[in-house]
């Protein structure tokens, strides 16, 4: 028999939400501060920052639903 592992869903929910907020903040600040510091950003940098913003929003919205609601109900 395999040992059971207890997952701390509250911790995973909080940390995943904070990861999403951090990614969104990095992307948004990069778009605001980057051109002010170095001028126009290259295309790949702008794309990377936009991807960080999108990923941050998705993680910030989906992870709390998964770790806070769905997975605790499946136990």
Protein backbone atom coordinates (compact mmCIF):
# COMPACT_ATOMS: atom_id res chain seq x y z
CA UNK A 1 0.00 0.00 0.00
CA UNK A 2 1.30 3.43 -0.93
CA UNK A 3 1.53 6.03 1.83
CA UNK A 4 -1.03 8.80 1.63
CA UNK A 5 0.12 12.39 1.39
CA UNK A 6 -1.84 15.23 2.87
CA UNK A 7 -1.83 18.30 0.68
CA UNK A 8 -2.17 21.67 2.37
CA UNK A 9 -4.74 23.14 -0.02
CA UNK A 10 -4.85 26.52 1.71
CA UNK A 11 -1.11 26.98 1.29
CA UNK A 12 -1.19 25.89 -2.35
CA UNK A 13 -4.12 28.24 -3.04
CA UNK A 14 -2.42 31.24 -1.45
CA UNK A 15 0.98 30.60 -3.04
CA UNK A 16 -0.42 29.97 -6.51
CA UNK A 17 -2.49 33.15 -6.35
CA UNK A 18 0.57 35.11 -5.25
CA UNK A 19 2.54 33.61 -8.14
CA UNK A 20 -0.13 34.81 -10.54
CA UNK A 21 -0.07 38.30 -9.01
CA UNK A 22 3.72 38.39 -9.23
CA UNK A 23 3.73 37.38 -12.90
CA UNK A 24 1.07 39.97 -13.71
CA UNK A 25 2.99 42.65 -11.82
CA UNK A 26 6.28 41.86 -13.52
CA UNK A 27 4.65 41.97 -16.95
CA UNK A 28 2.78 45.20 -16.28
CA UNK A 29 5.75 46.96 -14.69
CA UNK A 30 7.93 45.83 -17.56
CA UNK A 31 5.56 47.43 -20.05
CA UNK A 32 5.44 50.66 -18.04
CA UNK A 33 9.02 51.01 -16.82
CA UNK A 34 10.86 49.33 -19.69
CA UNK A 35 10.22 51.97 -22.36
CA UNK A 36 10.91 54.75 -19.85
CA UNK A 37 14.34 53.31 -19.09
CA UNK A 38 15.60 51.98 -22.43
CA UNK A 39 13.27 53.44 -25.03
CA UNK A 40 11.22 51.25 -27.30
CA UNK A 41 11.36 47.57 -26.35
CA UNK A 42 12.25 44.89 -28.86
CA UNK A 43 9.47 42.69 -30.15
CA UNK A 44 10.44 39.56 -28.23
CA UNK A 45 10.66 41.48 -24.94
CA UNK A 46 7.24 43.01 -25.44
CA UNK A 47 5.83 39.58 -26.30
CA UNK A 48 7.44 38.05 -23.21
CA UNK A 49 5.97 40.72 -20.96
CA UNK A 50 2.53 40.28 -22.50
CA UNK A 51 2.78 36.51 -22.01
CA UNK A 52 3.70 37.08 -18.36
CA UNK A 53 0.62 39.24 -17.90
CA UNK A 54 -1.68 36.69 -19.53
CA UNK A 55 -0.17 33.79 -17.61
CA UNK A 56 -0.44 35.74 -14.36
CA UNK A 57 -4.14 36.40 -14.88
CA UNK A 58 -4.82 32.77 -15.78
CA UNK A 59 -2.90 31.39 -12.82
CA UNK A 60 -4.42 33.95 -10.47
CA UNK A 61 -7.95 32.98 -11.51
CA UNK A 62 -7.72 29.25 -12.16
CA UNK A 63 -5.38 28.00 -9.42
CA UNK A 64 -7.55 29.14 -6.48
CA UNK A 65 -10.55 27.46 -8.07
CA UNK A 66 -8.61 24.23 -8.51
CA UNK A 67 -6.74 24.16 -5.19
CA UNK A 68 -9.38 25.92 -3.10
CA UNK A 69 -12.60 24.34 -4.36
CA UNK A 70 -12.24 21.39 -6.75
CA UNK A 71 -9.44 19.32 -5.21
CA UNK A 72 -10.66 19.52 -1.59
CA UNK A 73 -14.06 18.30 -2.77
CA UNK A 74 -12.55 15.26 -4.48
CA UNK A 75 -11.02 13.87 -1.27
